[in-house]
Amino acid sequence: MDLFFETIFVGVLSFGIFVVIRSLVSNSGWSLFMTGVLKHFVGYWIGIQDAYCRQYTGLPYAPIPSSMELLLEGFAFVLIGGLLQPVIKNPWIIAFGIGVVLHLVSEWTGVHAWFLSRCS
């Protein structure tokens, strides 16, 4: 059940960040890239990643995101957005969908397990 709520939360967070970015940047590719970068950074900044570490490992702190992690998440948003755009025409739904898809893919491929191994 936690995975369901986490996934919806990440979708809503992605949507919220996209709304702000889209009001500042009209290019959809750049908007998605910046949304991915900021989603990862904001998750760290407001303590979501620390809470994730505490919940799953009992350890209190998440690692500070590296520039590479931020860039990879930005590129992942652009890639998944490119795959969703032919099917879903509404950019707001795409932003939510990217957050959902990326969270689930990260869970199923072991990216989240790798992240948890870095908690301290």
N, C-alpha and C. Protein backbone atom coordinates (compact mmCIF):
# COMPACT_ATOMS: atom_id res chain seq x y z
N MET A 1 0.82 -1.20 0.00
CA MET A 1 0.00 0.00 0.00
C MET A 1 0.86 1.27 0.00
N ASP A 2 2.03 1.21 0.66
CA ASP A 2 2.92 2.37 0.65
C ASP A 2 3.32 2.76 -0.76
N LEU A 3 3.59 1.77 -1.60
CA LEU A 3 4.01 2.05 -2.97
C LEU A 3 2.93 2.84 -3.71
N PHE A 4 1.67 2.50 -3.50
CA PHE A 4 0.57 3.21 -4.15
C PHE A 4 0.57 4.69 -3.74
N PHE A 5 0.62 4.97 -2.43
CA PHE A 5 0.59 6.35 -1.97
C PHE A 5 1.84 7.11 -2.37
N GLU A 6 3.00 6.46 -2.30
CA GLU A 6 4.24 7.11 -2.73
C GLU A 6 4.15 7.50 -4.20
N THR A 7 3.63 6.59 -5.00
CA THR A 7 3.55 6.82 -6.45
C THR A 7 2.62 7.98 -6.77
N ILE A 8 1.46 8.01 -6.12
CA ILE A 8 0.52 9.12 -6.34
C ILE A 8 1.15 10.44 -5.87
N PHE A 9 1.82 10.41 -4.72
CA PHE A 9 2.46 11.62 -4.21
C PHE A 9 3.50 12.14 -5.19
N VAL A 10 4.33 11.25 -5.73
CA VAL A 10 5.37 11.67 -6.68
C VAL A 10 4.71 12.25 -7.94
N GLY A 11 3.61 11.65 -8.38
CA GLY A 11 2.89 12.20 -9.53
C GLY A 11 2.37 13.60 -9.26
N VAL A 12 1.80 13.81 -8.07
CA VAL A 12 1.27 15.13 -7.70
C VAL A 12 2.42 16.14 -7.56
N LEU A 13 3.51 15.73 -6.94
CA LEU A 13 4.68 16.62 -6.81
C LEU A 13 5.21 17.02 -8.19
N SER A 14 5.32 16.04 -9.08
CA SER A 14 5.78 16.33 -10.45
C SER A 14 4.85 17.30 -11.15
N PHE A 15 3.55 17.08 -10.99
CA PHE A 15 2.55 17.96 -11.59
C PHE A 15 2.71 19.38 -11.05
N GLY A 16 2.83 19.53 -9.73
CA GLY A 16 2.94 20.85 -9.12
C GLY A 16 4.17 21.61 -9.60
N ILE A 17 5.29 20.91 -9.66
CA ILE A 17 6.52 21.55 -10.13
C ILE A 17 6.38 21.92 -11.60
N PHE A 18 5.77 21.03 -12.39
CA PHE A 18 5.58 21.31 -13.82
C PHE A 18 4.71 22.55 -14.03
N VAL A 19 3.67 22.72 -13.22
CA VAL A 19 2.80 23.89 -13.34
C VAL A 19 3.61 25.18 -13.18
N VAL A 20 4.49 25.21 -12.19
CA VAL A 20 5.31 26.40 -11.95
C VAL A 20 6.30 26.60 -13.11
N ILE A 21 7.00 25.53 -13.49
CA ILE A 21 8.01 25.63 -14.55
C ILE A 21 7.36 26.02 -15.87
N ARG A 22 6.23 25.41 -16.17
CA ARG A 22 5.56 25.67 -17.46
C ARG A 22 5.11 27.12 -17.57
N SER A 23 4.83 27.76 -16.44
CA SER A 23 4.44 29.18 -16.48
C SER A 23 5.64 30.06 -16.80
N LEU A 24 6.85 29.52 -16.62
CA LEU A 24 8.07 30.29 -16.88
C LEU A 24 8.77 29.91 -18.17
N VAL A 25 8.59 28.67 -18.61
CA VAL A 25 9.30 28.14 -19.79
C VAL A 25 8.28 27.52 -20.74
N SER A 26 8.22 28.01 -21.96
CA SER A 26 7.19 27.53 -22.89
C SER A 26 7.60 26.26 -23.64
N ASN A 27 8.89 26.01 -23.79
CA ASN A 27 9.36 24.83 -24.51
C ASN A 27 9.08 23.57 -23.67
N SER A 28 8.33 22.61 -24.22
CA SER A 28 7.92 21.45 -23.44
C SER A 28 9.10 20.58 -23.03
N GLY A 29 10.10 20.43 -23.90
CA GLY A 29 11.27 19.63 -23.55
C GLY A 29 12.03 20.21 -22.38
N TRP A 30 12.29 21.51 -22.43
CA TRP A 30 12.99 22.16 -21.32
C TRP A 30 12.14 22.14 -20.06
N SER A 31 10.84 22.31 -20.22
CA SER A 31 9.95 22.28 -19.05
C SER A 31 10.03 20.91 -18.36
N LEU A 32 10.00 19.85 -19.15
CA LEU A 32 10.08 18.51 -18.56
C LEU A 32 11.45 18.27 -17.92
N PHE A 33 12.50 18.69 -18.60
CA PHE A 33 13.85 18.51 -18.06
C PHE A 33 13.98 19.23 -16.71
N MET A 34 13.57 20.49 -16.69
CA MET A 34 13.68 21.27 -15.46
C MET A 34 12.78 20.72 -14.36
N THR A 35 11.63 20.18 -14.72
CA THR A 35 10.75 19.56 -13.74
C THR A 35 11.43 18.36 -13.10
N GLY A 36 12.07 17.51 -13.91
CA GLY A 36 12.78 16.35 -13.37
C GLY A 36 13.90 16.73 -12.43
N VAL A 37 14.70 17.70 -12.84
CA VAL A 37 15.81 18.16 -12.00
C VAL A 37 15.28 18.72 -10.69
N LEU A 38 14.29 19.59 -10.78
CA LEU A 38 13.75 20.22 -9.57
C LEU A 38 12.99 19.23 -8.69
N LYS A 39 12.32 18.26 -9.28
CA LYS A 39 11.61 17.27 -8.46
C LYS A 39 12.58 16.52 -7.57
N HIS A 40 13.71 16.14 -8.14
CA HIS A 40 14.71 15.41 -7.36
C HIS A 40 15.29 16.31 -6.27
N PHE A 41 15.62 17.54 -6.62
CA PHE A 41 16.19 18.46 -5.65
C PHE A 41 15.19 18.83 -4.56
N VAL A 42 13.96 19.15 -4.96
CA VAL A 42 12.92 19.53 -3.99
C VAL A 42 12.65 18.36 -3.03
N GLY A 43 12.63 17.13 -3.55
CA GLY A 43 12.44 15.97 -2.69
C GLY A 43 13.48 15.89 -1.59
N TYR A 44 14.71 16.24 -1.92
CA TYR A 44 15.77 16.27 -0.91
C TYR A 44 15.56 17.47 0.03
N TRP A 45 15.33 18.63 -0.54
CA TRP A 45 15.27 19.87 0.22
C TRP A 45 14.15 19.88 1.26
N ILE A 46 12.98 19.34 0.92
CA ILE A 46 11.86 19.37 1.88
C ILE A 46 11.82 18.12 2.77
N GLY A 47 12.81 17.23 2.63
CA GLY A 47 12.93 16.10 3.55
C GLY A 47 12.25 14.82 3.14
N ILE A 48 11.74 14.75 1.92
CA ILE A 48 11.08 13.52 1.48
C ILE A 48 12.07 12.38 1.42
N GLN A 49 13.26 12.64 0.92
CA GLN A 49 14.25 11.57 0.80
C GLN A 49 14.74 11.11 2.18
N ASP A 50 14.86 12.03 3.13
CA ASP A 50 15.21 11.63 4.50
C ASP A 50 14.12 10.73 5.09
N ALA A 51 12.86 11.10 4.88
CA ALA A 51 11.75 10.29 5.39
C ALA A 51 11.75 8.90 4.74
N TYR A 52 12.07 8.84 3.47
CA TYR A 52 12.15 7.57 2.75
C TYR A 52 13.24 6.69 3.37
N CYS A 53 14.40 7.28 3.67
CA CYS A 53 15.49 6.54 4.32
C CYS A 53 15.05 6.02 5.68
N ARG A 54 14.43 6.89 6.48
CA ARG A 54 13.98 6.48 7.82
C ARG A 54 12.95 5.36 7.75
N GLN A 55 12.02 5.46 6.80
CA GLN A 55 10.95 4.47 6.70
C GLN A 55 11.48 3.09 6.31
N TYR A 56 12.41 3.04 5.37
CA TYR A 56 12.83 1.75 4.83
C TYR A 56 14.13 1.20 5.40
N THR A 57 14.95 2.07 6.02
CA THR A 57 16.22 1.57 6.56
C THR A 57 16.39 1.88 8.04
N GLY A 58 15.61 2.80 8.57
CA GLY A 58 15.77 3.24 9.94
C GLY A 58 16.89 4.26 10.10
N LEU A 59 17.61 4.52 9.03
CA LEU A 59 18.70 5.50 9.07
C LEU A 59 18.13 6.89 8.77
N PRO A 60 18.67 7.92 9.41
CA PRO A 60 18.00 9.23 9.37
C PRO A 60 18.23 10.11 8.15
N TYR A 61 19.30 9.89 7.40
CA TYR A 61 19.63 10.90 6.38
C TYR A 61 19.79 10.31 5.00
N ALA A 62 19.29 11.05 4.03
CA ALA A 62 19.50 10.72 2.62
C ALA A 62 20.75 11.44 2.14
N PRO A 63 21.44 10.87 1.18
CA PRO A 63 22.61 11.56 0.63
C PRO A 63 22.19 12.80 -0.16
N ILE A 64 23.06 13.80 -0.15
CA ILE A 64 22.81 14.99 -0.97
C ILE A 64 22.84 14.55 -2.43
N PRO A 65 21.83 14.93 -3.22
CA PRO A 65 21.82 14.49 -4.62
C PRO A 65 23.00 15.07 -5.40
N SER A 66 23.61 14.21 -6.19
CA SER A 66 24.72 14.67 -7.03
C SER A 66 24.17 15.35 -8.28
N SER A 67 25.02 16.11 -8.93
CA SER A 67 24.63 16.75 -10.20
C SER A 67 24.22 15.70 -11.21
N MET A 68 24.91 14.56 -11.21
CA MET A 68 24.60 13.49 -12.16
C MET A 68 23.18 12.96 -11.92
N GLU A 69 22.81 12.76 -10.65
CA GLU A 69 21.45 12.28 -10.35
C GLU A 69 20.40 13.28 -10.84
N LEU A 70 20.65 14.56 -10.60
CA LEU A 70 19.71 15.59 -11.02
C LEU A 70 19.56 15.60 -12.54
N LEU A 71 20.68 15.52 -13.25
CA LEU A 71 20.64 15.52 -14.72
C LEU A 71 19.96 14.26 -15.25
N LEU A 72 20.25 13.11 -14.66
CA LEU A 72 19.63 11.86 -15.11
C LEU A 72 18.12 11.91 -14.92
N GLU A 73 17.67 12.46 -13.80
CA GLU A 73 16.22 12.56 -13.61
C GLU A 73 15.61 13.52 -14.62
N GLY A 74 16.30 14.62 -14.92
CA GLY A 74 15.80 15.53 -15.94
C GLY A 74 15.68 14.85 -17.30
N PHE A 75 16.72 14.11 -17.68
CA PHE A 75 16.67 13.39 -18.97
C PHE A 75 15.60 12.30 -18.96
N ALA A 76 15.40 11.64 -17.81
CA ALA A 76 14.36 10.62 -17.71
C ALA A 76 12.98 11.24 -17.93
N PHE A 77 12.77 12.44 -17.40
CA PHE A 77 11.49 13.12 -17.61
C PHE A 77 11.27 13.41 -19.09
N VAL A 78 12.31 13.86 -19.77
CA VAL A 78 12.19 14.15 -21.21
C VAL A 78 11.92 12.87 -21.99
N LEU A 79 12.63 11.80 -21.67
CA LEU A 79 12.46 10.52 -22.38
C LEU A 79 11.05 9.96 -22.18
N ILE A 80 10.62 9.88 -20.95
CA ILE A 80 9.28 9.33 -20.68
C ILE A 80 8.21 10.26 -21.25
N GLY A 81 8.43 11.56 -21.14
CA GLY A 81 7.48 12.51 -21.74
C GLY A 81 7.37 12.32 -23.23
N GLY A 82 8.50 12.06 -23.90
CA GLY A 82 8.48 11.80 -25.34
C GLY A 82 7.71 10.54 -25.69
N LEU A 83 7.77 9.55 -24.81
CA LEU A 83 7.02 8.31 -25.05
C LEU A 83 5.52 8.49 -24.78
N LEU A 84 5.18 9.35 -23.82
CA LEU A 84 3.78 9.55 -23.48
C LEU A 84 3.07 10.56 -24.39
N GLN A 85 3.79 11.52 -24.97
CA GLN A 85 3.16 12.58 -25.75
C GLN A 85 2.34 12.08 -26.95
N PRO A 86 2.77 11.03 -27.66
CA PRO A 86 1.91 10.57 -28.76
C PRO A 86 0.58 9.98 -28.29
N VAL A 87 0.56 9.51 -27.05
CA VAL A 87 -0.64 8.85 -26.52
C VAL A 87 -1.51 9.83 -25.73
N ILE A 88 -0.87 10.69 -24.97
CA ILE A 88 -1.57 11.65 -24.10
C ILE A 88 -1.25 13.06 -24.58
N LYS A 89 -2.25 13.80 -24.94
CA LYS A 89 -2.02 15.14 -25.50
C LYS A 89 -1.97 16.24 -24.44
N ASN A 90 -2.51 16.01 -23.26
CA ASN A 90 -2.56 17.03 -22.23
C ASN A 90 -1.23 17.06 -21.46
N PRO A 91 -0.47 18.17 -21.54
CA PRO A 91 0.84 18.21 -20.88
C PRO A 91 0.75 18.10 -19.36
N TRP A 92 -0.35 18.52 -18.77
CA TRP A 92 -0.51 18.45 -17.32
C TRP A 92 -0.64 16.98 -16.87
N ILE A 93 -1.38 16.21 -17.63
CA ILE A 93 -1.53 14.78 -17.33
C ILE A 93 -0.21 14.06 -17.58
N ILE A 94 0.51 14.48 -18.61
CA ILE A 94 1.82 13.88 -18.89
C ILE A 94 2.77 14.10 -17.71
N ALA A 95 2.79 15.29 -17.13
CA ALA A 95 3.68 15.58 -16.00
C ALA A 95 3.36 14.65 -14.82
N PHE A 96 2.08 14.48 -14.53
CA PHE A 96 1.67 13.56 -13.47
C PHE A 96 2.08 12.13 -13.83
N GLY A 97 1.80 11.74 -15.08
CA GLY A 97 2.11 10.39 -15.54
C GLY A 97 3.59 10.07 -15.49
N ILE A 98 4.43 11.04 -15.80
CA ILE A 98 5.87 10.82 -15.75
C ILE A 98 6.30 10.52 -14.32
N GLY A 99 5.80 11.30 -13.37
CA GLY A 99 6.14 11.05 -11.96
C GLY A 99 5.73 9.65 -11.53
N VAL A 100 4.54 9.23 -11.93
CA VAL A 100 4.04 7.90 -11.59
C VAL A 100 4.90 6.82 -12.24
N VAL A 101 5.10 6.92 -13.54
CA VAL A 101 5.87 5.91 -14.28
C VAL A 101 7.30 5.83 -13.77
N LEU A 102 7.92 6.97 -13.58
CA LEU A 102 9.32 6.98 -13.15
C LEU A 102 9.47 6.38 -11.75
N HIS A 103 8.53 6.67 -10.86
CA HIS A 103 8.60 6.09 -9.51
C HIS A 103 8.47 4.57 -9.58
N LEU A 104 7.51 4.08 -10.35
CA LEU A 104 7.32 2.63 -10.46
C LEU A 104 8.51 1.94 -11.13
N VAL A 105 9.02 2.53 -12.19
CA VAL A 105 10.18 1.95 -12.88
C VAL A 105 11.39 1.93 -11.94
N SER A 106 11.58 2.99 -11.16
CA SER A 106 12.69 3.03 -10.21
C SER A 106 12.54 1.95 -9.14
N GLU A 107 11.33 1.69 -8.73
CA GLU A 107 11.09 0.64 -7.74
C GLU A 107 11.38 -0.75 -8.34
N TRP A 108 10.89 -0.98 -9.53
CA TRP A 108 11.01 -2.31 -10.15
C TRP A 108 12.40 -2.61 -10.68
N THR A 109 13.19 -1.59 -11.00
CA THR A 109 14.53 -1.83 -11.55
C THR A 109 15.64 -1.80 -10.49
N GLY A 110 15.29 -1.49 -9.26
CA GLY A 110 16.29 -1.47 -8.20
C GLY A 110 16.94 -0.13 -7.95
N VAL A 111 16.50 0.91 -8.64
CA VAL A 111 17.08 2.25 -8.42
C VAL A 111 16.80 2.70 -6.97
N HIS A 112 15.60 2.43 -6.48
CA HIS A 112 15.29 2.81 -5.10
C HIS A 112 16.13 2.01 -4.11
N ALA A 113 16.37 0.75 -4.37
CA ALA A 113 17.22 -0.06 -3.48
C ALA A 113 18.63 0.50 -3.45
N TRP A 114 19.13 0.91 -4.61
CA TRP A 114 20.45 1.54 -4.67
C TRP A 114 20.47 2.82 -3.85
N PHE A 115 19.42 3.64 -3.98
CA PHE A 115 19.32 4.88 -3.21
C PHE A 115 19.35 4.56 -1.71
N LEU A 116 18.56 3.58 -1.29
CA LEU A 116 18.49 3.23 0.14
C LEU A 116 19.83 2.74 0.68
N SER A 117 20.62 2.13 -0.19
CA SER A 117 21.94 1.64 0.26
C SER A 117 22.88 2.80 0.59
N ARG A 118 22.52 4.00 0.17
CA ARG A 118 23.37 5.17 0.42
C ARG A 118 22.92 6.00 1.62
N CYS A 119 21.84 5.60 2.27
CA CYS A 119 21.36 6.34 3.45
C CYS A 119 22.38 6.20 4.57
N SER A 120 22.42 7.23 5.44
CA SER A 120 23.37 7.16 6.57
C SER A 120 22.72 7.65 7.85
